[in-house]
Amino acid sequence: MRGLVESAEIVVADGMPLVWASRLARAPLPERVTGADLIWSLSELAASRGWPIYLLGGPPGVAARAAGQLVERHPELVVCGVDAPPYGFDACDGGREKVRRKVVEAGPRLVFVGLGFPRQDRLIAELRRELPDAWFVGCGAAIAFAAGTVRRAPAWMRRSGLEWAFRLVSEPGRLARRYLVHDLPFAAALLTSTLLHRLTTAGPPFQQPPS
């Protein structure tokens, strides 16, 4: 999994604990960058440059609905394909090959892959070899957010790092284990270790290098 992350050309912090930890470490990240935001900003860029996009992920019908919402906002946007593979599609070679073939045949320049980590990242690693000129964005639930089938937290909750709480209340059955068993202990350990490192390490605050 580490190798999948490190193989990406661009890695962003989709989580406020990472932003907070960077500030404690005197190496502040500019901001949190989420797939739910990137799907809109990058679609706008794709529309302006004539890049066809592909939406891969979400329950049946959700990717098509998201495509409609994106085109409604950017009428010049070209969506060359959508796909919502069934859960467990990657358990057999035939299922994976079918999904890959549809993407390759569509010939996109920008592909949003919302299948969850690490499934989406493993698939992206394979597709990059077949479509070397395309960009792939692992975007989690961004396709469902764009479609409007899943609500995002209010802006103030996103800014204050409480979007996870909103999603937990909205989908407790699906997200309770992820957030309460895995994410919260990790975030607590990350922030604690970063703070202890800062308190025990001398040195001036991090300064942004000149551009």
Protein backbone atom coordinates (compact mmCIF):
# COMPACT_ATOMS: atom_id res chain seq x y z
CA MET A 1 0.00 0.00 0.00
CA ARG A 2 2.88 2.37 0.74
CA GLY A 3 4.25 1.61 -2.71
CA LEU A 4 0.94 2.50 -4.34
CA VAL A 5 0.90 5.89 -2.63
CA GLU A 6 4.54 6.62 -3.37
CA SER A 7 4.09 5.74 -7.05
CA ALA A 8 1.68 8.66 -7.57
CA GLU A 9 2.93 11.83 -9.27
CA ILE A 10 0.84 14.00 -6.93
CA VAL A 11 -0.23 13.16 -3.37
CA VAL A 12 -2.59 15.46 -1.48
CA ALA A 13 -3.82 15.54 2.11
CA ASP A 14 -7.46 14.43 2.12
CA GLY A 15 -7.84 14.75 5.87
CA MET A 16 -7.46 17.55 8.39
CA PRO A 17 -5.32 15.50 10.84
CA LEU A 18 -2.60 15.46 8.17
CA VAL A 19 -2.83 19.23 7.81
CA TRP A 20 -2.72 19.71 11.59
CA ALA A 21 0.25 17.35 11.92
CA SER A 22 2.13 19.22 9.19
CA ARG A 23 1.68 22.44 11.14
CA LEU A 24 2.95 20.84 14.33
CA ALA A 25 5.94 19.55 12.38
CA ARG A 26 6.74 23.10 11.19
CA ALA A 27 6.22 21.99 7.57
CA PRO A 28 2.68 23.25 6.99
CA LEU A 29 0.66 21.98 4.07
CA PRO A 30 -1.31 24.79 2.37
CA GLU A 31 -4.71 23.17 2.85
CA ARG A 32 -6.79 20.04 2.76
CA VAL A 33 -7.48 18.83 -0.79
CA THR A 34 -10.35 16.36 -1.23
CA GLY A 35 -11.49 14.25 -4.12
CA ALA A 36 -14.95 15.75 -3.65
CA ASP A 37 -13.48 19.16 -4.54
CA LEU A 38 -11.07 17.95 -7.22
CA ILE A 39 -13.80 16.30 -9.27
CA TRP A 40 -15.32 19.76 -9.86
CA SER A 41 -12.15 21.79 -10.36
CA LEU A 42 -10.48 19.22 -12.61
CA SER A 43 -13.65 18.75 -14.65
CA GLU A 44 -13.67 22.50 -15.24
CA LEU A 45 -10.07 22.29 -16.41
CA ALA A 46 -10.85 19.30 -18.64
CA ALA A 47 -13.78 21.17 -20.18
CA SER A 48 -11.62 24.19 -20.98
CA ARG A 49 -8.94 22.04 -22.63
CA GLY A 50 -11.18 19.58 -24.42
CA TRP A 51 -10.05 16.57 -22.41
CA PRO A 52 -12.61 13.73 -22.30
CA ILE A 53 -13.20 12.37 -18.80
CA TYR A 54 -14.31 8.97 -17.51
CA LEU A 55 -16.14 8.24 -14.26
CA LEU A 56 -15.50 4.86 -12.68
CA GLY A 57 -17.17 3.85 -9.43
CA GLY A 58 -20.23 4.25 -7.23
CA PRO A 59 -23.45 2.24 -7.06
CA PRO A 60 -25.37 1.51 -10.29
CA GLY A 61 -26.52 4.69 -12.01
CA VAL A 62 -24.55 7.04 -9.78
CA ALA A 63 -21.66 7.67 -12.19
CA ALA A 64 -24.12 8.51 -14.98
CA ARG A 65 -25.93 10.90 -12.68
CA ALA A 66 -22.65 12.52 -11.66
CA ALA A 67 -21.76 12.93 -15.32
CA GLY A 68 -25.03 14.77 -15.86
CA GLN A 69 -24.33 17.13 -12.97
CA LEU A 70 -20.81 17.87 -14.20
CA VAL A 71 -21.97 18.54 -17.76
CA GLU A 72 -24.78 20.74 -16.47
CA ARG A 73 -22.21 22.95 -14.77
CA HIS A 74 -19.73 22.76 -17.67
CA PRO A 75 -21.70 22.19 -20.91
CA GLU A 76 -18.52 21.90 -22.97
CA LEU A 77 -17.29 18.94 -20.88
CA VAL A 78 -16.99 15.64 -22.76
CA VAL A 79 -17.75 12.52 -20.70
CA CYS A 80 -16.52 9.63 -22.82
CA GLY A 81 -17.71 6.90 -20.47
CA VAL A 82 -19.05 5.87 -17.07
CA ASP A 83 -18.96 2.55 -15.28
CA ALA A 84 -20.15 1.21 -11.94
CA PRO A 85 -18.54 -2.22 -11.54
CA PRO A 86 -20.22 -4.54 -9.01
CA TYR A 87 -18.70 -5.11 -5.59
CA GLY A 88 -16.00 -7.77 -5.82
CA PHE A 89 -15.42 -7.27 -9.54
CA ASP A 90 -11.69 -7.41 -8.93
CA ALA A 91 -11.84 -10.85 -7.30
CA CYS A 92 -11.44 -12.50 -10.69
CA ASP A 93 -9.33 -11.70 -13.74
CA GLY A 94 -12.38 -11.61 -16.00
CA GLY A 95 -14.04 -8.87 -13.98
CA ARG A 96 -10.93 -6.73 -13.80
CA GLU A 97 -10.23 -7.17 -17.50
CA LYS A 98 -13.76 -6.11 -18.44
CA VAL A 99 -13.46 -2.89 -16.43
CA ARG A 100 -9.99 -2.11 -17.79
CA ARG A 101 -11.04 -2.77 -21.38
CA LYS A 102 -13.97 -0.35 -21.16
CA VAL A 103 -11.73 2.43 -19.90
CA VAL A 104 -9.02 1.83 -22.50
CA GLU A 105 -11.52 1.70 -25.37
CA ALA A 106 -13.10 4.99 -24.26
CA GLY A 107 -9.74 6.77 -24.58
CA PRO A 108 -10.11 9.33 -21.75
CA ARG A 109 -7.53 11.94 -20.78
CA LEU A 110 -8.77 12.19 -17.19
CA VAL A 111 -10.24 9.31 -15.19
CA PHE A 112 -11.93 9.66 -11.79
CA VAL A 113 -11.71 6.31 -9.99
CA GLY A 114 -13.99 6.12 -6.96
CA LEU A 115 -13.59 2.55 -5.73
CA GLY A 116 -11.97 3.14 -2.33
CA PHE A 117 -8.40 2.60 -1.22
CA PRO A 118 -6.55 0.41 -2.10
CA ARG A 119 -8.85 -1.10 -4.76
CA GLN A 120 -8.91 2.08 -6.85
CA ASP A 121 -5.16 2.54 -6.56
CA ARG A 122 -4.37 -1.01 -7.66
CA LEU A 123 -6.60 -0.59 -10.69
CA ILE A 124 -5.03 2.78 -11.50
CA ALA A 125 -1.56 1.20 -11.40
CA GLU A 126 -2.66 -1.25 -14.11
CA LEU A 127 -4.46 1.33 -16.24
CA ARG A 128 -1.52 3.74 -16.22
CA ARG A 129 0.49 1.22 -18.22
CA GLU A 130 -2.25 0.99 -20.86
CA LEU A 131 -3.09 4.71 -20.99
CA PRO A 132 0.24 6.49 -20.36
CA ASP A 133 -1.08 9.86 -21.56
CA ALA A 134 -4.08 9.90 -19.22
CA TRP A 135 -4.31 11.24 -15.68
CA PHE A 136 -6.00 9.14 -13.00
CA VAL A 137 -7.52 10.54 -9.81
CA GLY A 138 -8.33 8.23 -6.91
CA CYS A 139 -11.34 10.08 -5.57
CA GLY A 140 -13.19 7.81 -3.12
CA ALA A 141 -16.79 8.91 -2.69
CA ALA A 142 -16.41 12.00 -4.90
CA ILE A 143 -18.56 10.52 -7.68
CA ALA A 144 -21.45 9.99 -5.28
CA PHE A 145 -21.00 13.51 -3.92
CA ALA A 146 -21.04 14.96 -7.44
CA ALA A 147 -24.17 12.97 -8.25
CA GLY A 148 -25.90 14.31 -5.15
CA THR A 149 -26.72 10.84 -3.84
CA VAL A 150 -24.50 11.42 -0.79
CA ARG A 151 -24.58 14.75 1.02
CA ARG A 152 -21.42 16.58 2.01
CA ALA A 153 -20.99 18.16 5.39
CA PRO A 154 -21.63 21.90 5.76
CA ALA A 155 -18.65 24.09 4.90
CA TRP A 156 -17.96 24.99 8.54
CA MET A 157 -17.66 21.30 9.46
CA ARG A 158 -15.27 20.69 6.57
CA ARG A 159 -13.10 23.65 7.62
CA SER A 160 -12.98 22.56 11.25
CA GLY A 161 -12.11 18.93 10.51
CA LEU A 162 -15.52 17.49 11.44
CA GLU A 163 -16.62 16.18 8.06
CA TRP A 164 -15.95 12.66 9.28
CA ALA A 165 -18.51 13.12 12.08
CA PHE A 166 -21.15 14.25 9.58
CA ARG A 167 -20.49 11.23 7.38
CA LEU A 168 -20.51 8.90 10.37
CA VAL A 169 -23.96 10.12 11.42
CA SER A 170 -25.16 9.87 7.82
CA GLU A 171 -23.83 6.34 7.19
CA PRO A 172 -23.10 4.71 10.57
CA GLY A 173 -23.39 1.13 9.38
CA ARG A 174 -20.82 1.55 6.63
CA LEU A 175 -18.41 4.00 8.24
CA ALA A 176 -18.41 3.29 12.00
CA ARG A 177 -15.61 0.74 11.84
CA ARG A 178 -13.50 2.83 9.46
CA TYR A 179 -13.70 6.03 11.48
CA LEU A 180 -13.90 4.76 15.07
CA VAL A 181 -11.67 1.69 14.91
CA HIS A 182 -9.08 2.75 12.33
CA ASP A 183 -9.07 6.49 11.63
CA LEU A 184 -9.51 8.06 15.06
CA PRO A 185 -6.75 6.03 16.79
CA PHE A 186 -4.42 6.72 13.85
CA ALA A 187 -5.15 10.45 13.94
CA ALA A 188 -4.60 10.57 17.71
CA ALA A 189 -1.30 8.69 17.44
CA LEU A 190 -0.14 10.86 14.54
CA LEU A 191 -0.86 14.14 16.30
CA THR A 192 0.59 12.94 19.61
CA SER A 193 3.83 11.69 18.07
CA THR A 194 4.20 14.86 15.98
CA LEU A 195 3.67 17.07 19.02
CA LEU A 196 6.18 15.09 21.11
CA HIS A 197 8.71 15.30 18.28
CA ARG A 198 8.25 19.06 18.08
CA LEU A 199 8.66 19.48 21.85
CA THR A 200 11.84 17.42 21.93
CA THR A 201 13.45 18.72 18.74
CA ALA A 202 15.14 22.10 18.64
CA GLY A 203 15.10 24.21 15.54
CA PRO A 204 13.47 27.25 13.99
CA PRO A 205 9.93 27.10 12.61
CA PHE A 206 9.61 25.87 9.05
CA GLN A 207 9.68 28.69 6.50
CA GLN A 208 8.17 28.39 3.05
CA PRO A 209 10.95 28.63 0.41
CA PRO A 210 10.67 31.49 -2.08
CA SER A 211 8.73 30.67 -5.25
